[in-house]
Protein backbone atom coordinates (compact mmCIF):
# COMPACT_ATOMS: atom_id res chain seq x y z
CA MET A 1 -28.39 -15.44 8.58
CA ASN A 2 -30.94 -13.27 10.46
CA SER A 3 -30.47 -9.62 11.35
CA LYS A 4 -29.42 -10.28 14.95
CA SER A 5 -26.81 -12.85 13.96
CA THR A 6 -25.45 -10.53 11.29
CA LYS A 7 -25.06 -7.68 13.76
CA LEU A 8 -23.31 -10.02 16.20
CA LEU A 9 -20.94 -11.06 13.42
CA TRP A 10 -20.10 -7.45 12.59
CA GLY A 11 -19.63 -6.56 16.23
CA GLY A 12 -17.45 -9.64 16.84
CA LEU A 13 -15.21 -8.90 13.86
CA ILE A 14 -14.79 -5.27 14.90
CA LEU A 15 -13.87 -6.31 18.45
CA ILE A 16 -11.37 -8.85 17.10
CA GLY A 17 -9.80 -6.19 14.90
CA ILE A 18 -9.49 -3.74 17.80
CA ALA A 19 -8.23 -6.39 20.24
CA ALA A 20 -5.55 -7.56 17.79
CA ARG A 21 -4.28 -4.01 17.39
CA VAL A 22 -4.14 -3.48 21.14
CA TYR A 23 -2.26 -6.77 21.53
CA PHE A 24 0.47 -5.80 19.05
CA LEU A 25 0.90 -2.20 20.25
CA PRO A 26 3.87 -2.91 22.59
CA LEU A 27 5.89 -4.64 19.84
CA VAL A 28 8.88 -2.58 18.73
CA SER A 29 10.07 -3.56 15.26
CA LEU A 30 13.58 -3.00 13.91
CA ASP A 31 12.24 -0.23 11.67
CA MET A 32 10.81 1.58 14.67
CA GLU A 33 14.10 1.33 16.56
CA VAL A 34 16.23 2.50 13.63
CA TYR A 35 13.96 5.07 12.01
CA LEU A 36 10.62 6.04 13.55
CA LEU A 37 11.59 6.43 17.20
CA PRO A 38 14.73 8.51 16.42
CA TRP A 39 12.63 10.73 14.14
CA TYR A 40 10.09 11.21 16.92
CA ASP A 41 12.89 12.11 19.35
CA PHE A 42 14.43 14.54 16.85
CA ILE A 43 11.14 16.43 16.58
CA LEU A 44 10.81 16.58 20.37
CA GLN A 45 14.36 17.81 20.77
CA HIS A 46 14.36 20.46 18.05
CA GLY A 47 10.72 21.53 18.05
CA ALA A 48 7.96 20.96 15.51
CA TRP A 49 8.55 23.89 13.16
CA THR A 50 12.35 23.75 13.20
CA SER A 51 12.31 20.01 12.54
CA LEU A 52 10.13 20.34 9.46
CA GLY A 53 12.82 22.48 7.86
CA GLN A 54 15.56 19.89 8.34
CA GLU A 55 16.52 16.62 6.67
CA PHE A 56 16.37 14.11 9.50
CA SER A 57 14.24 11.46 7.80
CA ASN A 58 14.11 9.60 4.49
CA TYR A 59 10.31 9.94 4.36
CA THR A 60 8.55 12.79 2.58
CA PRO A 61 7.29 15.72 4.68
CA PRO A 62 3.56 14.74 4.64
CA TYR A 63 4.26 11.74 6.88
CA LEU A 64 6.45 13.93 9.07
CA TYR A 65 3.55 16.35 9.50
CA LEU A 66 1.54 13.50 11.02
CA LEU A 67 4.49 12.36 13.11
CA THR A 68 4.91 15.92 14.37
CA LEU A 69 1.25 16.04 15.41
CA VAL A 70 1.52 12.90 17.54
CA THR A 71 4.56 14.25 19.37
CA PHE A 72 2.10 16.56 21.14
CA THR A 73 0.80 13.45 22.93
CA ASN A 74 4.22 13.02 24.58
CA GLY A 75 3.63 12.38 28.27
CA LEU A 76 0.13 11.07 27.59
CA LEU A 77 0.98 8.18 25.26
CA SER A 78 4.13 6.11 24.85
CA LYS A 79 6.20 6.95 21.78
CA VAL A 80 5.51 3.56 20.21
CA THR A 81 1.76 3.84 20.75
CA ALA A 82 1.62 7.40 19.41
CA ILE A 83 3.51 6.48 16.24
CA LYS A 84 1.41 3.38 15.59
CA LEU A 85 -1.85 5.26 16.16
CA ILE A 86 -1.20 7.22 12.96
CA SER A 87 -1.44 4.09 10.83
CA ILE A 88 -4.13 2.48 12.99
CA LEU A 89 -6.30 5.55 12.48
CA PHE A 90 -5.91 5.12 8.72
CA ASP A 91 -6.91 1.46 9.10
CA PHE A 92 -10.30 2.72 10.21
CA PHE A 93 -10.41 5.33 7.45
CA ASN A 94 -9.72 2.53 4.96
CA THR A 95 -12.43 0.42 6.57
CA TYR A 96 -14.89 3.22 5.83
CA LEU A 97 -13.71 3.44 2.22
CA VAL A 98 -14.10 -0.31 1.78
CA PHE A 99 -17.68 0.13 2.95
CA ARG A 100 -18.29 2.98 0.49
CA ILE A 101 -16.69 1.17 -2.45
CA VAL A 102 -18.59 -2.09 -1.89
CA LYS A 103 -21.78 -0.07 -1.44
CA LEU A 104 -21.38 1.01 -5.07
CA ARG A 105 -21.88 -2.68 -5.84
CA SER A 106 -24.77 -3.33 -3.47
CA ASN A 107 -27.55 -1.06 -2.26
CA ASP A 108 -28.07 -3.36 0.71
CA ASP A 109 -25.82 -2.29 3.60
CA ARG A 110 -25.24 -5.86 4.75
CA LEU A 111 -22.61 -6.72 2.14
CA PRO A 112 -20.65 -3.44 2.54
CA LEU A 113 -20.74 -3.75 6.35
CA THR A 114 -19.52 -7.34 6.14
CA ALA A 115 -16.69 -6.28 3.83
CA ALA A 116 -15.68 -3.45 6.16
CA ALA A 117 -15.73 -5.65 9.27
CA LEU A 118 -13.69 -8.36 7.55
CA PHE A 119 -11.21 -5.80 6.25
CA LEU A 120 -10.51 -4.63 9.79
CA CYS A 121 -9.42 -8.19 10.64
CA LEU A 122 -7.11 -8.83 7.68
CA PRO A 123 -3.73 -10.10 8.98
CA THR A 124 -1.79 -7.85 6.59
CA VAL A 125 -3.65 -4.76 7.71
CA ILE A 126 -3.33 -5.56 11.42
CA LEU A 127 0.38 -6.43 11.33
CA ASN A 128 1.41 -3.57 9.06
CA SER A 129 0.04 -0.86 11.33
CA SER A 130 -0.17 -2.16 14.88
CA ALA A 131 2.79 -4.57 14.90
CA TRP A 132 5.14 -2.93 12.41
CA GLY A 133 4.08 0.72 12.69
CA GLN A 134 4.45 1.20 8.93
CA ALA A 135 2.70 3.85 6.88
CA ASP A 136 1.25 1.73 4.08
CA ALA A 137 -2.30 2.27 5.31
CA ILE A 138 -1.86 6.01 4.71
CA TYR A 139 -1.03 6.07 1.01
CA THR A 140 -3.50 3.20 0.49
CA PHE A 141 -6.26 5.37 1.93
CA PHE A 142 -5.76 7.96 -0.79
CA LEU A 143 -5.50 5.30 -3.49
CA LEU A 144 -8.76 3.71 -2.31
CA ALA A 145 -10.35 7.16 -2.41
CA CYS A 146 -8.92 7.57 -5.92
CA LEU A 147 -10.48 4.25 -6.93
CA PHE A 148 -13.78 5.25 -5.32
CA TYR A 149 -14.02 8.31 -7.57
CA LEU A 150 -12.85 6.45 -10.67
CA LEU A 151 -15.64 3.91 -10.11
CA GLN A 152 -18.02 6.88 -10.36
CA ASP A 153 -16.27 8.26 -13.46
CA LYS A 154 -14.89 11.31 -11.62
CA PRO A 155 -11.26 11.50 -12.76
CA LEU A 156 -10.48 15.01 -11.48
CA PRO A 157 -10.74 14.28 -7.72
CA ALA A 158 -9.28 10.84 -8.39
CA LEU A 159 -6.04 12.27 -9.82
CA VAL A 160 -5.81 14.81 -7.01
CA LEU A 161 -6.04 11.98 -4.50
CA PHE A 162 -3.48 9.96 -6.44
CA GLY A 163 -1.17 12.96 -6.15
CA VAL A 164 -1.67 13.02 -2.39
CA ALA A 165 -0.93 9.28 -2.21
CA PHE A 166 2.27 9.80 -4.21
CA ALA A 167 3.28 12.64 -1.89
CA PHE A 168 3.18 10.16 1.00
CA LYS A 169 4.72 7.12 -0.70
CA ALA A 170 6.31 6.37 -4.05
CA GLN A 171 4.51 3.01 -4.00
CA ALA A 172 1.46 4.84 -5.32
CA VAL A 173 3.02 4.25 -8.76
CA PHE A 174 1.90 0.63 -8.52
CA LEU A 175 -1.45 1.90 -9.83
CA SER A 176 0.11 3.82 -12.73
CA PRO A 177 -0.58 1.12 -15.38
CA PHE A 178 -4.20 1.02 -14.20
CA LEU A 179 -4.52 4.79 -14.59
CA LEU A 180 -2.87 4.61 -18.02
CA LEU A 181 -5.38 1.94 -19.07
CA LEU A 182 -8.23 4.27 -18.13
CA THR A 183 -6.53 7.08 -20.04
CA PHE A 184 -6.33 4.90 -23.16
CA ARG A 185 -10.06 4.30 -22.67
CA LYS A 186 -10.59 8.10 -22.49
CA ARG A 187 -11.78 7.89 -18.87
CA ILE A 188 -8.89 10.09 -17.65
CA PRO A 189 -7.80 13.09 -19.75
CA TRP A 190 -4.03 13.32 -20.31
CA GLY A 191 -3.92 16.83 -18.89
CA TYR A 192 -5.09 15.63 -15.49
CA TYR A 193 -1.68 14.03 -14.90
CA LEU A 194 -0.29 17.54 -14.41
CA LEU A 195 -2.22 17.56 -11.14
CA ILE A 196 0.14 14.97 -9.64
CA PRO A 197 3.29 17.16 -9.46
CA VAL A 198 1.18 20.18 -8.51
CA VAL A 199 -0.39 18.31 -5.59
CA TYR A 200 3.02 16.93 -4.59
CA LEU A 201 4.49 20.42 -4.41
CA LEU A 202 1.48 21.76 -2.51
CA MET A 203 1.93 18.99 0.05
CA MET A 204 5.56 20.09 0.50
CA LEU A 205 4.74 23.76 1.19
CA PRO A 206 4.83 23.58 5.02
CA ALA A 207 8.29 21.97 4.92
CA LEU A 208 9.49 24.53 2.38
CA ALA A 209 8.11 27.35 4.52
CA ALA A 210 9.98 25.91 7.49
CA GLY A 211 13.26 26.18 5.57
CA ARG A 212 13.71 22.89 3.78
CA SER A 213 15.14 23.21 0.27
CA LEU A 214 13.18 22.40 -2.88
CA SER A 215 15.87 19.99 -4.06
CA SER A 216 15.59 18.16 -0.75
CA VAL A 217 11.84 17.52 -0.96
CA LEU A 218 12.08 16.63 -4.65
CA GLY A 219 14.90 14.17 -4.07
CA VAL A 220 13.43 12.08 -1.26
CA TYR A 221 12.45 9.12 -3.42
CA LEU A 222 15.80 9.11 -5.22
CA GLY A 223 17.48 8.99 -1.82
CA GLN A 224 15.26 6.11 -0.73
CA ALA A 225 16.17 4.16 -3.86
CA GLU A 226 19.85 4.40 -2.93
CA THR A 227 19.38 3.25 0.68
CA PHE A 228 19.72 -0.48 -0.02
CA LYS A 229 21.79 -2.12 -2.75
CA SER A 230 19.73 -5.29 -3.01
CA LEU A 231 17.54 -6.69 -5.76
CA SER A 232 15.06 -8.01 -3.19
CA MET A 233 14.46 -6.77 0.34
CA LYS A 234 12.70 -10.00 1.38
CA ALA A 235 10.01 -9.32 -1.20
CA PRO A 236 8.12 -12.41 -2.46
CA ASN A 237 9.17 -12.07 -6.07
CA LEU A 238 11.69 -13.78 -8.34
CA TYR A 239 14.51 -11.36 -7.53
CA LEU A 240 14.84 -13.33 -4.31
CA PHE A 241 16.60 -15.99 -6.38
CA ILE A 242 19.04 -13.61 -8.15
CA SER A 243 22.42 -12.90 -6.57
CA ASN A 244 23.27 -9.29 -5.74
CA GLU A 245 26.42 -9.78 -7.77
CA HIS A 246 24.13 -8.93 -10.68
CA TYR A 247 22.67 -5.86 -8.92
CA ALA A 248 23.47 -3.25 -11.59
CA SER A 249 22.36 -5.33 -14.58
CA GLY A 250 19.39 -6.78 -12.67
CA LEU A 251 18.21 -3.29 -11.72
CA PHE A 252 18.40 -1.99 -15.29
CA ILE A 253 16.82 -5.07 -16.87
CA GLY A 254 14.12 -5.30 -14.19
CA ILE A 255 13.03 -1.68 -14.61
CA ALA A 256 13.07 -2.00 -18.41
CA ILE A 257 10.95 -5.17 -18.30
CA THR A 258 8.51 -3.58 -15.86
CA VAL A 259 7.98 -0.42 -17.92
CA THR A 260 7.60 -2.40 -21.15
CA ALA A 261 5.20 -4.93 -19.62
CA ALA A 262 3.14 -2.17 -17.98
CA LEU A 263 2.73 -0.33 -21.28
CA ILE A 264 1.79 -3.52 -23.14
CA TRP A 265 -0.67 -4.49 -20.40
CA SER A 266 -2.31 -1.05 -20.31
CA ALA A 267 -2.64 -0.76 -24.08
CA GLY A 268 -3.66 -4.39 -24.55
CA CYS A 269 -6.36 -4.25 -21.89
CA ALA A 270 -7.67 -0.97 -23.26
CA LEU A 271 -8.07 -2.58 -26.68
CA ARG A 272 -9.53 -5.81 -25.35
CA VAL A 273 -12.05 -4.55 -22.82
CA GLY A 274 -15.63 -4.04 -23.85
CA GLU A 275 -17.52 -2.03 -21.25
CA MET A 276 -15.59 -0.58 -18.30
CA LYS A 277 -17.91 -2.01 -15.68
CA ARG A 278 -17.13 -1.48 -12.03
CA GLU A 279 -16.02 -5.04 -11.43
CA ILE A 280 -13.62 -4.75 -14.37
CA ILE A 281 -12.19 -1.50 -12.98
CA VAL A 282 -11.52 -3.11 -9.59
CA ALA A 283 -10.01 -6.19 -11.27
CA CYS A 284 -7.66 -4.01 -13.33
CA ALA A 285 -6.61 -2.04 -10.25
CA ALA A 286 -5.85 -5.27 -8.38
CA ALA A 287 -3.86 -6.66 -11.33
CA SER A 288 -1.81 -3.46 -11.55
CA ALA A 289 -1.06 -3.54 -7.82
CA ALA A 290 0.01 -7.18 -8.10
CA MET A 291 2.22 -7.18 -11.17
CA ILE A 292 4.25 -3.98 -10.65
CA PRO A 293 5.89 -4.83 -7.28
CA PHE A 294 6.33 -8.39 -8.55
CA MET A 295 8.29 -7.26 -11.61
CA LEU A 296 10.25 -4.41 -10.04
CA PRO A 297 13.58 -4.99 -8.27
CA LYS A 298 14.44 -3.49 -4.86
CA MET A 299 11.01 -4.27 -3.42
CA HIS A 300 10.34 -4.82 0.29
CA GLU A 301 7.98 -7.49 1.64
CA ARG A 302 5.33 -4.94 2.60
CA TYR A 303 5.15 -3.45 -0.90
CA PHE A 304 2.43 -6.00 -1.71
CA TYR A 305 0.14 -4.33 0.84
CA LEU A 306 -1.91 -2.63 -1.87
CA MET A 307 -2.28 -5.94 -3.70
CA ASP A 308 -3.53 -7.52 -0.48
CA VAL A 309 -6.14 -4.79 -0.03
CA LEU A 310 -7.37 -4.70 -3.62
CA THR A 311 -7.59 -8.48 -4.05
CA PHE A 312 -9.72 -8.54 -0.89
CA LEU A 313 -11.94 -5.80 -2.31
CA LEU A 314 -12.20 -7.65 -5.62
CA VAL A 315 -13.95 -10.59 -3.95
CA PHE A 316 -16.99 -8.39 -3.35
CA PHE A 317 -17.18 -7.52 -7.05
CA ILE A 318 -16.18 -10.88 -8.55
CA PRO A 319 -16.77 -13.50 -5.80
CA ARG A 320 -15.16 -16.38 -7.69
CA LEU A 321 -11.78 -14.62 -7.35
CA TRP A 322 -11.50 -15.37 -3.64
CA ILE A 323 -8.35 -17.48 -4.07
CA PRO A 324 -6.05 -14.48 -4.76
CA ALA A 325 -7.43 -12.68 -1.71
CA VAL A 326 -6.69 -15.61 0.60
CA GLY A 327 -3.38 -16.35 -1.10
CA ALA A 328 -2.21 -12.74 -0.84
CA GLN A 329 -2.89 -12.71 2.89
CA LEU A 330 -1.01 -15.98 3.30
CA VAL A 331 2.03 -14.71 1.37
CA SER A 332 2.18 -11.44 3.30
CA LEU A 333 1.68 -13.23 6.60
CA MET A 334 4.67 -15.45 5.76
CA THR A 335 6.95 -12.58 4.76
CA TYR A 336 5.83 -10.27 7.58
CA SER A 337 6.42 -13.06 10.10
CA VAL A 338 9.99 -13.49 8.88
CA PHE A 339 10.75 -9.81 9.52
CA LEU A 340 8.70 -9.29 12.69
CA PHE A 341 8.99 -12.57 14.57
CA ILE A 342 11.38 -15.15 13.09
CA SER A 343 14.49 -13.28 11.94
CA PRO A 344 14.07 -9.53 12.40
CA GLN A 345 17.70 -8.79 11.51
CA LYS A 346 18.95 -8.44 7.93
CA THR A 347 19.98 -12.09 7.49
CA PRO A 348 17.04 -14.56 7.59
CA SER A 349 17.29 -17.66 9.76
CA PRO A 350 16.98 -21.06 8.01
CA LEU A 351 13.25 -21.11 8.78
CA GLY A 352 12.92 -17.53 7.59
CA ALA A 353 14.75 -18.32 4.34
CA ILE A 354 12.45 -21.29 3.69
CA LEU A 355 9.36 -19.16 4.30
CA LEU A 356 10.61 -16.44 1.96
CA ILE A 357 11.29 -18.95 -0.83
CA ALA A 358 7.86 -20.55 -0.36
CA ALA A 359 6.21 -17.12 -0.30
CA ALA A 360 7.96 -16.07 -3.53
CA LEU A 361 6.88 -19.25 -5.32
CA ILE A 362 3.28 -18.98 -4.12
CA ASN A 363 3.18 -15.30 -5.02
CA THR A 364 4.44 -16.04 -8.52
CA VAL A 365 1.47 -18.33 -9.09
CA LEU A 366 -0.88 -15.77 -7.50
CA VAL A 367 0.24 -12.87 -9.68
CA ILE A 368 -0.08 -14.96 -12.84
CA TYR A 369 -3.54 -16.08 -11.70
CA ILE A 370 -4.65 -12.52 -10.86
CA VAL A 371 -3.50 -10.99 -14.14
CA GLY A 372 -4.80 -13.94 -16.15
CA SER A 373 -8.21 -13.78 -14.46
CA GLN A 374 -8.38 -10.04 -14.96
CA VAL A 375 -7.56 -10.32 -18.67
CA ARG A 376 -10.16 -13.08 -19.15
CA ALA A 377 -12.76 -10.96 -17.36
CA LEU A 378 -12.34 -8.10 -19.82
CA LYS A 379 -14.59 -9.71 -22.43
CA GLU A 380 -17.23 -11.08 -20.06
């Protein structure tokens, strides 16, 4: 492909990515109606500073800081557009990080630019931010930045960024087995993990200064865990097939299995791997992001967002692993469609139920394939 054709491809993909986001902007999801729009209105009604000191949301304060900022566009932008622009902005930040990470693999800008342009058009990325208005692009940005520094053997800024990601979303823990693997390989000193709670507390300071209690900001994730009493919130994992009659036992057993499997995986990979090459690091990060939400109970469909992003990124380091990238997008597209378009209420329609079952089965094969491929790649 010549230079002109390549530039046209990049430009076309970028325009498609922007156009898709504009198209989905008017969509108001159930989550926006129940959570995000009322939070926006609360901030408008009570004022920015006063609101930060109150418990009106089940999200941590860092997201509320961003939500507070966009309330200043009230009268210029619709509420829905303003809220979605937070995540859409991070889509573009993530696009830049995809470029920088792939550039570590290739000195030629063509491959990184192609990766970035394609990333902007990923169905998962488009629907999560511009259709759903969710915040997964935000914590993913800091995790991608964490990975970027780990690929350069710079663990200090990496752990700081992981702490920022965790301050936004608890789902950052999906990379914990990956970080532990690197610690076993002496790439991350144990003491650096103290940075995570320090960074978390620093991120809470504005809310604390505004009057919110320390116990409140420390207990957000515990409160989130108690919101829904369900083993699977339409997540494409095997808990979809387990009755909620077994909620208590399923929760305990699921968490125990996940912690045990994560420790075995981290230690086993650390022993098995030869050289921690960059493609191996990306493969391990993708495997961690795939297996943890698959094994954990109480997962939502969008909790595989990080897996979707990292399996896409992995293609540019190990091209033969393109199947997981395509499969992950397919699975997320199926589950997102159930929530956004087919049966947005709590009970799936017959078509929605069929799609969820198919997605869970496909995802089971994908996760096994991803982890198996990653483990085989350790000795290459």
